């Protein structure tokens, strides 16, 4: 089985990065994702040069684990949270 690595780049609405991350934590998205079978890494990093950018590193054990994650209830919740705080998302897959 081959690991899946996702580099996810978020551009939040001006001044909304910290609120976005707080909602992800408060709504349980972060903890539920990290507890998923096959989740090897799910970590957010603030961009140093832009207060409205955020990087998410995801590493999954295999394609099946990532697909289960994508169809989870907490991912549906994340999509709703993103609607409020995020203006652009770019994903690189390795």
PDB file of N, CA and C in Angstrom:
ATOM      1  N   UNK A   1       0.837  -1.185   0.000  1.00  0.00           N
ATOM      2  CA  UNK A   1       0.000   0.000   0.000  1.00  0.00           C
ATOM      3  C   UNK A   1       0.878   1.243   0.000  1.00  0.00           C
ATOM      4  N   UNK A   2       0.445   2.211  -0.757  1.00  0.00           N
ATOM      5  CA  UNK A   2       1.225   3.430  -0.909  1.00  0.00           C
ATOM      6  C   UNK A   2       0.587   4.572  -0.129  1.00  0.00           C
ATOM      7  N   UNK A   3       1.398   5.262   0.654  1.00  0.00           N
ATOM      8  CA  UNK A   3       0.904   6.406   1.421  1.00  0.00           C
ATOM      9  C   UNK A   3       0.473   7.534   0.489  1.00  0.00           C
ATOM     10  N   UNK A   4      -0.498   8.296   0.947  1.00  0.00           N
ATOM     11  CA  UNK A   4      -0.989   9.468   0.227  1.00  0.00           C
ATOM     12  C   UNK A   4      -0.630  10.700   1.060  1.00  0.00           C
ATOM     13  N   UNK A   5       0.014  11.673   0.418  1.00  0.00           N
ATOM     14  CA  UNK A   5       0.371  12.927   1.081  1.00  0.00           C
ATOM     15  C   UNK A   5      -0.381  14.053   0.382  1.00  0.00           C
ATOM     16  N   UNK A   6      -1.057  14.864   1.186  1.00  0.00           N
ATOM     17  CA  UNK A   6      -1.745  16.033   0.659  1.00  0.00           C
ATOM     18  C   UNK A   6      -1.163  17.280   1.304  1.00  0.00           C
ATOM     19  N   UNK A   7      -0.774  18.225   0.470  1.00  0.00           N
ATOM     20  CA  UNK A   7      -0.390  19.559   0.924  1.00  0.00           C
ATOM     21  C   UNK A   7      -1.569  20.463   0.585  1.00  0.00           C
ATOM     22  N   UNK A   8      -2.219  20.984   1.598  1.00  0.00           N
ATOM     23  CA  UNK A   8      -3.421  21.796   1.408  1.00  0.00           C
ATOM     24  C   UNK A   8      -3.102  23.231   1.821  1.00  0.00           C
ATOM     25  N   UNK A   9      -3.339  24.159   0.910  1.00  0.00           N
ATOM     26  CA  UNK A   9      -3.068  25.575   1.147  1.00  0.00           C
ATOM     27  C   UNK A   9      -4.399  26.324   1.204  1.00  0.00           C
ATOM     28  N   UNK A  10      -4.662  26.955   2.327  1.00  0.00           N
ATOM     29  CA  UNK A  10      -5.883  27.738   2.510  1.00  0.00           C
ATOM     30  C   UNK A  10      -5.548  29.224   2.484  1.00  0.00           C
ATOM     31  N   UNK A  11      -6.370  29.992   1.790  1.00  0.00           N
ATOM     32  CA  UNK A  11      -6.342  31.450   1.865  1.00  0.00           C
ATOM     33  C   UNK A  11      -7.642  31.848   2.544  1.00  0.00           C
ATOM     34  N   UNK A  12      -7.537  32.409   3.741  1.00  0.00           N
ATOM     35  CA  UNK A  12      -8.741  32.786   4.475  1.00  0.00           C
ATOM     36  C   UNK A  12      -9.141  34.221   4.155  1.00  0.00           C
ATOM     37  N   UNK A  13     -10.347  34.545   4.520  1.00  0.00           N
ATOM     38  CA  UNK A  13     -10.781  35.936   4.425  1.00  0.00           C
ATOM     39  C   UNK A  13      -9.872  36.767   5.330  1.00  0.00           C
ATOM     40  N   UNK A  14      -9.658  38.039   5.002  1.00  0.00           N
ATOM     41  CA  UNK A  14      -8.743  38.866   5.798  1.00  0.00           C
ATOM     42  C   UNK A  14      -9.060  38.815   7.295  1.00  0.00           C
ATOM     43  N   UNK A  15      -8.025  38.496   8.061  1.00  0.00           N
ATOM     44  CA  UNK A  15      -8.141  38.466   9.510  1.00  0.00           C
ATOM     45  C   UNK A  15      -8.895  37.277  10.085  1.00  0.00           C
ATOM     46  N   UNK A  16      -9.183  36.273   9.264  1.00  0.00           N
ATOM     47  CA  UNK A  16     -10.022  35.157   9.706  1.00  0.00           C
ATOM     48  C   UNK A  16      -9.276  33.842   9.925  1.00  0.00           C
ATOM     49  N   UNK A  17      -7.956  33.813   9.728  1.00  0.00           N
ATOM     50  CA  UNK A  17      -7.211  32.555   9.847  1.00  0.00           C
ATOM     51  C   UNK A  17      -7.365  31.925  11.226  1.00  0.00           C
ATOM     52  N   UNK A  18      -7.137  32.690  12.266  1.00  0.00           N
ATOM     53  CA  UNK A  18      -7.199  32.137  13.618  1.00  0.00           C
ATOM     54  C   UNK A  18      -8.606  31.654  13.962  1.00  0.00           C
ATOM     55  N   UNK A  19      -9.622  32.376  13.510  1.00  0.00           N
ATOM     56  CA  UNK A  19     -11.001  31.969  13.765  1.00  0.00           C
ATOM     57  C   UNK A  19     -11.325  30.668  13.036  1.00  0.00           C
ATOM     58  N   UNK A  20     -10.811  30.525  11.819  1.00  0.00           N
ATOM     59  CA  UNK A  20     -11.014  29.291  11.057  1.00  0.00           C
ATOM     60  C   UNK A  20     -10.432  28.099  11.811  1.00  0.00           C
ATOM     61  N   UNK A  21      -9.188  28.216  12.239  1.00  0.00           N
ATOM     62  CA  UNK A  21      -8.531  27.121  12.964  1.00  0.00           C
ATOM     63  C   UNK A  21      -9.265  26.831  14.272  1.00  0.00           C
ATOM     64  N   UNK A  22      -9.697  27.868  14.945  1.00  0.00           N
ATOM     65  CA  UNK A  22     -10.429  27.682  16.208  1.00  0.00           C
ATOM     66  C   UNK A  22     -11.722  26.901  15.982  1.00  0.00           C
ATOM     67  N   UNK A  23     -12.435  27.217  14.912  1.00  0.00           N
ATOM     68  CA  UNK A  23     -13.669  26.487  14.608  1.00  0.00           C
ATOM     69  C   UNK A  23     -13.382  25.027  14.256  1.00  0.00           C
ATOM     70  N   UNK A  24     -12.317  24.790  13.511  1.00  0.00           N
ATOM     71  CA  UNK A  24     -11.927  23.418  13.173  1.00  0.00           C
ATOM     72  C   UNK A  24     -11.676  22.622  14.452  1.00  0.00           C
ATOM     73  N   UNK A  25     -11.031  23.253  15.417  1.00  0.00           N
ATOM     74  CA  UNK A  25     -10.763  22.588  16.701  1.00  0.00           C
ATOM     75  C   UNK A  25     -12.040  22.433  17.523  1.00  0.00           C
ATOM     76  N   UNK A  26     -12.780  23.520  17.695  1.00  0.00           N
ATOM     77  CA  UNK A  26     -13.971  23.506  18.549  1.00  0.00           C
ATOM     78  C   UNK A  26     -15.043  22.547  18.049  1.00  0.00           C
ATOM     79  N   UNK A  27     -15.183  22.439  16.735  1.00  0.00           N
ATOM     80  CA  UNK A  27     -16.207  21.568  16.160  1.00  0.00           C
ATOM     81  C   UNK A  27     -15.773  20.099  16.102  1.00  0.00           C
ATOM     82  N   UNK A  28     -14.540  19.819  16.527  1.00  0.00           N
ATOM     83  CA  UNK A  28     -14.067  18.444  16.602  1.00  0.00           C
ATOM     84  C   UNK A  28     -13.476  17.882  15.328  1.00  0.00           C
ATOM     85  N   UNK A  29     -13.362  18.707  14.298  1.00  0.00           N
ATOM     86  CA  UNK A  29     -12.823  18.216  13.029  1.00  0.00           C
ATOM     87  C   UNK A  29     -11.390  17.723  13.208  1.00  0.00           C
ATOM     88  N   UNK A  30     -10.572  18.491  13.897  1.00  0.00           N
ATOM     89  CA  UNK A  30      -9.165  18.143  14.076  1.00  0.00           C
ATOM     90  C   UNK A  30      -9.018  16.837  14.855  1.00  0.00           C
ATOM     91  N   UNK A  31      -9.656  16.737  15.994  1.00  0.00           N
ATOM     92  CA  UNK A  31      -9.502  15.536  16.829  1.00  0.00           C
ATOM     93  C   UNK A  31     -10.100  14.299  16.171  1.00  0.00           C
ATOM     94  N   UNK A  32     -11.244  14.440  15.522  1.00  0.00           N
ATOM     95  CA  UNK A  32     -11.871  13.289  14.859  1.00  0.00           C
ATOM     96  C   UNK A  32     -11.031  12.808  13.686  1.00  0.00           C
ATOM     97  N   UNK A  33     -10.458  13.742  12.936  1.00  0.00           N
ATOM     98  CA  UNK A  33      -9.617  13.349  11.804  1.00  0.00           C
ATOM     99  C   UNK A  33      -8.371  12.633  12.289  1.00  0.00           C
ATOM    100  N   UNK A  34      -7.719  13.182  13.291  1.00  0.00           N
ATOM    101  CA  UNK A  34      -6.501  12.557  13.812  1.00  0.00           C
ATOM    102  C   UNK A  34      -6.768  11.160  14.379  1.00  0.00           C
ATOM    103  N   UNK A  35      -7.985  10.899  14.820  1.00  0.00           N
ATOM    104  CA  UNK A  35      -8.340   9.595  15.387  1.00  0.00           C
ATOM    105  C   UNK A  35      -8.741   8.572  14.325  1.00  0.00           C
ATOM    106  N   UNK A  36      -8.866   9.000  13.080  1.00  0.00           N
ATOM    107  CA  UNK A  36      -9.288   8.085  12.019  1.00  0.00           C
ATOM    108  C   UNK A  36      -8.239   7.010  11.761  1.00  0.00           C
ATOM    109  N   UNK A  37      -8.725   5.810  11.466  1.00  0.00           N
ATOM    110  CA  UNK A  37      -7.850   4.718  11.072  1.00  0.00           C
ATOM    111  C   UNK A  37      -7.164   5.099   9.759  1.00  0.00           C
ATOM    112  N   UNK A  38      -5.856   5.034   9.729  1.00  0.00           N
ATOM    113  CA  UNK A  38      -5.106   5.359   8.521  1.00  0.00           C
ATOM    114  C   UNK A  38      -4.590   6.781   8.461  1.00  0.00           C
ATOM    115  N   UNK A  39      -4.962   7.620   9.433  1.00  0.00           N
ATOM    116  CA  UNK A  39      -4.439   8.990   9.479  1.00  0.00           C
ATOM    117  C   UNK A  39      -3.073   8.960  10.155  1.00  0.00           C
ATOM    118  N   UNK A  40      -2.037   9.283   9.399  1.00  0.00           N
ATOM    119  CA  UNK A  40      -0.677   9.294   9.926  1.00  0.00           C
ATOM    120  C   UNK A  40      -0.236  10.692  10.339  1.00  0.00           C
ATOM    121  N   UNK A  41      -0.826  11.705   9.721  1.00  0.00           N
ATOM    122  CA  UNK A  41      -0.496  13.093  10.058  1.00  0.00           C
ATOM    123  C   UNK A  41      -1.632  13.987   9.582  1.00  0.00           C
ATOM    124  N   UNK A  42      -2.010  14.937  10.422  1.00  0.00           N
ATOM    125  CA  UNK A  42      -3.002  15.952  10.068  1.00  0.00           C
ATOM    126  C   UNK A  42      -2.642  17.174  10.898  1.00  0.00           C
ATOM    127  N   UNK A  43      -1.837  18.058  10.311  1.00  0.00           N
ATOM    128  CA  UNK A  43      -1.236  19.151  11.083  1.00  0.00           C
ATOM    129  C   UNK A  43      -1.323  20.472  10.324  1.00  0.00           C
ATOM    130  N   UNK A  44      -1.792  21.516  11.014  1.00  0.00           N
ATOM    131  CA  UNK A  44      -1.879  22.862  10.451  1.00  0.00           C
ATOM    132  C   UNK A  44      -0.631  23.669  10.794  1.00  0.00           C
ATOM    133  N   UNK A  45      -0.230  24.542   9.849  1.00  0.00           N
ATOM    134  CA  UNK A  45       0.900  25.445  10.044  1.00  0.00           C
ATOM    135  C   UNK A  45       0.509  26.825   9.537  1.00  0.00           C
ATOM    136  N   UNK A  46       0.791  27.861  10.325  1.00  0.00           N
ATOM    137  CA  UNK A  46       0.549  29.240   9.897  1.00  0.00           C
ATOM    138  C   UNK A  46       1.658  29.677   8.947  1.00  0.00           C
ATOM    139  N   UNK A  47       1.270  30.384   7.882  1.00  0.00           N
ATOM    140  CA  UNK A  47       2.268  30.964   6.979  1.00  0.00           C
ATOM    141  C   UNK A  47       2.920  32.149   7.677  1.00  0.00           C
ATOM    142  N   UNK A  48       4.224  32.198   7.670  1.00  0.00           N
ATOM    143  CA  UNK A  48       4.943  33.281   8.344  1.00  0.00           C
ATOM    144  C   UNK A  48       4.807  34.614   7.615  1.00  0.00           C
ATOM    145  N   UNK A  49       4.715  34.568   6.293  1.00  0.00           N
ATOM    146  CA  UNK A  49       4.728  35.806   5.524  1.00  0.00           C
ATOM    147  C   UNK A  49       3.334  36.357   5.214  1.00  0.00           C
ATOM    148  N   UNK A  50       2.273  35.603   5.554  1.00  0.00           N
ATOM    149  CA  UNK A  50       0.919  36.050   5.222  1.00  0.00           C
ATOM    150  C   UNK A  50      -0.035  35.622   6.337  1.00  0.00           C
ATOM    151  N   UNK A  51      -0.606  36.573   7.067  1.00  0.00           N
ATOM    152  CA  UNK A  51      -1.479  36.228   8.192  1.00  0.00           C
ATOM    153  C   UNK A  51      -2.814  35.612   7.782  1.00  0.00           C
ATOM    154  N   UNK A  52      -3.074  35.545   6.491  1.00  0.00           N
ATOM    155  CA  UNK A  52      -4.324  34.965   6.011  1.00  0.00           C
ATOM    156  C   UNK A  52      -4.118  33.639   5.277  1.00  0.00           C
ATOM    157  N   UNK A  53      -2.912  33.086   5.368  1.00  0.00           N
ATOM    158  CA  UNK A  53      -2.634  31.791   4.727  1.00  0.00           C
ATOM    159  C   UNK A  53      -2.364  30.738   5.782  1.00  0.00           C
ATOM    160  N   UNK A  54      -2.707  29.505   5.408  1.00  0.00           N
ATOM    161  CA  UNK A  54      -2.575  28.374   6.305  1.00  0.00           C
ATOM    162  C   UNK A  54      -2.207  27.155   5.472  1.00  0.00           C
ATOM    163  N   UNK A  55      -1.334  26.329   6.007  1.00  0.00           N
ATOM    164  CA  UNK A  55      -0.913  25.100   5.335  1.00  0.00           C
ATOM    165  C   UNK A  55      -1.356  23.913   6.184  1.00  0.00           C
ATOM    166  N   UNK A  56      -1.916  22.911   5.532  1.00  0.00           N
ATOM    167  CA  UNK A  56      -2.315  21.671   6.199  1.00  0.00           C
ATOM    168  C   UNK A  56      -1.563  20.518   5.555  1.00  0.00           C
ATOM    169  N   UNK A  57      -0.854  19.745   6.369  1.00  0.00           N
ATOM    170  CA  UNK A  57      -0.166  18.548   5.903  1.00  0.00           C
ATOM    171  C   UNK A  57      -0.989  17.341   6.324  1.00  0.00           C
ATOM    172  N   UNK A  58      -1.425  16.568   5.336  1.00  0.00           N
ATOM    173  CA  UNK A  58      -2.165  15.333   5.593  1.00  0.00           C
ATOM    174  C   UNK A  58      -1.348  14.166   5.054  1.00  0.00           C
ATOM    175  N   UNK A  59      -1.204  13.117   5.839  1.00  0.00           N
ATOM    176  CA  UNK A  59      -0.583  11.885   5.362  1.00  0.00           C
ATOM    177  C   UNK A  59      -1.517  10.744   5.731  1.00  0.00           C
ATOM    178  N   UNK A  60      -1.867   9.955   4.736  1.00  0.00           N
ATOM    179  CA  UNK A  60      -2.788   8.835   4.900  1.00  0.00           C
ATOM    180  C   UNK A  60      -2.080   7.533   4.557  1.00  0.00           C
ATOM    181  N   UNK A  61      -2.430   6.482   5.254  1.00  0.00           N
ATOM    182  CA  UNK A  61      -1.789   5.180   5.064  1.00  0.00           C
ATOM    183  C   UNK A  61      -1.971   4.663   3.645  1.00  0.00           C
ATOM    184  N   UNK A  62      -3.126   4.940   3.069  1.00  0.00           N
ATOM    185  CA  UNK A  62      -3.405   4.474   1.707  1.00  0.00           C
ATOM    186  C   UNK A  62      -4.613   5.224   1.145  1.00  0.00           C
ATOM    187  N   UNK A  63      -4.928   4.926  -0.093  1.00  0.00           N
ATOM    188  CA  UNK A  63      -6.037   5.585  -0.789  1.00  0.00           C
ATOM    189  C   UNK A  63      -7.369   5.339  -0.079  1.00  0.00           C
ATOM    190  N   UNK A  64      -7.574   4.125   0.392  1.00  0.00           N
ATOM    191  CA  UNK A  64      -8.838   3.790   1.058  1.00  0.00           C
ATOM    192  C   UNK A  64      -9.046   4.630   2.315  1.00  0.00           C
ATOM    193  N   UNK A  65      -7.996   4.825   3.095  1.00  0.00           N
ATOM    194  CA  UNK A  65      -8.103   5.638   4.311  1.00  0.00           C
ATOM    195  C   UNK A  65      -8.455   7.080   3.965  1.00  0.00           C
ATOM    196  N   UNK A  66      -7.832   7.610   2.920  1.00  0.00           N
ATOM    197  CA  UNK A  66      -8.117   8.982   2.521  1.00  0.00           C
ATOM    198  C   UNK A  66      -9.555   9.107   2.012  1.00  0.00           C
ATOM    199  N   UNK A  67     -10.017   8.122   1.264  1.00  0.00           N
ATOM    200  CA  UNK A  67     -11.383   8.165   0.744  1.00  0.00           C
ATOM    201  C   UNK A  67     -12.411   8.088   1.870  1.00  0.00           C
ATOM    202  N   UNK A  68     -12.149   7.264   2.875  1.00  0.00           N
ATOM    203  CA  UNK A  68     -13.052   7.204   4.034  1.00  0.00           C
ATOM    204  C   UNK A  68     -13.107   8.567   4.726  1.00  0.00           C
ATOM    205  N   UNK A  69     -11.948   9.186   4.844  1.00  0.00           N
ATOM    206  CA  UNK A  69     -11.873  10.513   5.457  1.00  0.00           C
ATOM    207  C   UNK A  69     -12.699  11.524   4.662  1.00  0.00           C
ATOM    208  N   UNK A  70     -12.547  11.520   3.357  1.00  0.00           N
ATOM    209  CA  UNK A  70     -13.251  12.485   2.512  1.00  0.00           C
ATOM    210  C   UNK A  70     -14.767  12.359   2.629  1.00  0.00           C
ATOM    211  N   UNK A  71     -15.262  11.161   2.915  1.00  0.00           N
ATOM    212  CA  UNK A  71     -16.711  10.960   2.994  1.00  0.00           C
ATOM    213  C   UNK A  71     -17.244  11.008   4.430  1.00  0.00           C
ATOM    214  N   UNK A  72     -16.405  11.374   5.385  1.00  0.00           N
ATOM    215  CA  UNK A  72     -16.817  11.402   6.792  1.00  0.00           C
ATOM    216  C   UNK A  72     -17.712  12.610   7.091  1.00  0.00           C
ATOM    217  N   UNK A  73     -18.481  12.493   8.172  1.00  0.00           N
ATOM    218  CA  UNK A  73     -19.351  13.592   8.597  1.00  0.00           C
ATOM    219  C   UNK A  73     -18.550  14.829   8.995  1.00  0.00           C
ATOM    220  N   UNK A  74     -17.394  14.620   9.624  1.00  0.00           N
ATOM    221  CA  UNK A  74     -16.616  15.796  10.036  1.00  0.00           C
ATOM    222  C   UNK A  74     -15.986  16.511   8.844  1.00  0.00           C
ATOM    223  N   UNK A  75     -15.792  15.819   7.730  1.00  0.00           N
ATOM    224  CA  UNK A  75     -15.326  16.524   6.528  1.00  0.00           C
ATOM    225  C   UNK A  75     -16.449  17.362   5.934  1.00  0.00           C
ATOM    226  N   UNK A  76     -17.673  16.868   6.011  1.00  0.00           N
ATOM    227  CA  UNK A  76     -18.817  17.677   5.573  1.00  0.00           C
ATOM    228  C   UNK A  76     -18.912  18.936   6.435  1.00  0.00           C
ATOM    229  N   UNK A  77     -18.663  18.785   7.720  1.00  0.00           N
ATOM    230  CA  UNK A  77     -18.650  19.932   8.629  1.00  0.00           C
ATOM    231  C   UNK A  77     -17.529  20.899   8.258  1.00  0.00           C
ATOM    232  N   UNK A  78     -16.345  20.375   7.941  1.00  0.00           N
ATOM    233  CA  UNK A  78     -15.233  21.236   7.535  1.00  0.00           C
ATOM    234  C   UNK A  78     -15.596  22.045   6.296  1.00  0.00           C
ATOM    235  N   UNK A  79     -16.269  21.431   5.344  1.00  0.00           N
ATOM    236  CA  UNK A  79     -16.671  22.163   4.141  1.00  0.00           C
ATOM    237  C   UNK A  79     -17.589  23.338   4.503  1.00  0.00           C
ATOM    238  N   UNK A  80     -18.481  23.134   5.464  1.00  0.00           N
ATOM    239  CA  UNK A  80     -19.367  24.232   5.894  1.00  0.00           C
ATOM    240  C   UNK A  80     -18.568  25.329   6.605  1.00  0.00           C
ATOM    241  N   UNK A  81     -17.616  24.942   7.425  1.00  0.00           N
ATOM    242  CA  UNK A  81     -16.768  25.929   8.107  1.00  0.00           C
ATOM    243  C   UNK A  81     -15.972  26.732   7.076  1.00  0.00           C
ATOM    244  N   UNK A  82     -15.442  26.045   6.072  1.00  0.00           N
ATOM    245  CA  UNK A  82     -14.665  26.722   5.027  1.00  0.00           C
ATOM    246  C   UNK A  82     -15.498  27.776   4.305  1.00  0.00           C
ATOM    247  N   UNK A  83     -16.773  27.507   4.091  1.00  0.00           N
ATOM    248  CA  UNK A  83     -17.635  28.474   3.404  1.00  0.00           C
ATOM    249  C   UNK A  83     -17.641  29.819   4.121  1.00  0.00           C
ATOM    250  N   UNK A  84     -17.520  29.781   5.430  1.00  0.00           N
ATOM    251  CA  UNK A  84     -17.563  31.016   6.218  1.00  0.00           C
ATOM    252  C   UNK A  84     -16.220  31.740   6.267  1.00  0.00           C
ATOM    253  N   UNK A  85     -15.107  30.993   6.247  1.00  0.00           N
ATOM    254  CA  UNK A  85     -13.801  31.597   6.534  1.00  0.00           C
ATOM    255  C   UNK A  85     -12.785  31.564   5.384  1.00  0.00           C
ATOM    256  N   UNK A  86     -12.951  30.689   4.417  1.00  0.00           N
ATOM    257  CA  UNK A  86     -11.907  30.447   3.416  1.00  0.00           C
ATOM    258  C   UNK A  86     -12.350  30.955   2.045  1.00  0.00           C
ATOM    259  N   UNK A  87     -11.431  31.647   1.348  1.00  0.00           N
ATOM    260  CA  UNK A  87     -11.738  32.148   0.008  1.00  0.00           C
ATOM    261  C   UNK A  87     -11.115  31.292  -1.087  1.00  0.00           C
ATOM    262  N   UNK A  88     -10.058  30.544  -0.762  1.00  0.00           N
ATOM    263  CA  UNK A  88      -9.413  29.709  -1.774  1.00  0.00           C
ATOM    264  C   UNK A  88      -8.707  28.534  -1.100  1.00  0.00           C
ATOM    265  N   UNK A  89      -8.789  27.383  -1.754  1.00  0.00           N
ATOM    266  CA  UNK A  89      -8.086  26.188  -1.294  1.00  0.00           C
ATOM    267  C   UNK A  89      -7.352  25.581  -2.484  1.00  0.00           C
ATOM    268  N   UNK A  90      -6.079  25.269  -2.275  1.00  0.00           N
ATOM    269  CA  UNK A  90      -5.281  24.599  -3.314  1.00  0.00           C
ATOM    270  C   UNK A  90      -4.710  23.329  -2.697  1.00  0.00           C
ATOM    271  N   UNK A  91      -4.834  22.216  -3.427  1.00  0.00           N
ATOM    272  CA  UNK A  91      -4.374  20.926  -2.914  1.00  0.00           C
ATOM    273  C   UNK A  91      -3.345  20.336  -3.868  1.00  0.00           C
ATOM    274  N   UNK A  92      -2.220  19.925  -3.313  1.00  0.00           N
ATOM    275  CA  UNK A  92      -1.199  19.184  -4.055  1.00  0.00           C
ATOM    276  C   UNK A  92      -1.180  17.773  -3.492  1.00  0.00           C
ATOM    277  N   UNK A  93      -1.217  16.802  -4.376  1.00  0.00           N
ATOM    278  CA  UNK A  93      -1.283  15.403  -3.947  1.00  0.00           C
ATOM    279  C   UNK A  93      -0.013  14.669  -4.366  1.00  0.00           C
ATOM    280  N   UNK A  94       0.534  13.912  -3.434  1.00  0.00           N
ATOM    281  CA  UNK A  94       1.760  13.156  -3.695  1.00  0.00           C
ATOM    282  C   UNK A  94       1.564  11.716  -3.273  1.00  0.00           C
TER     283      UNK A  94
END
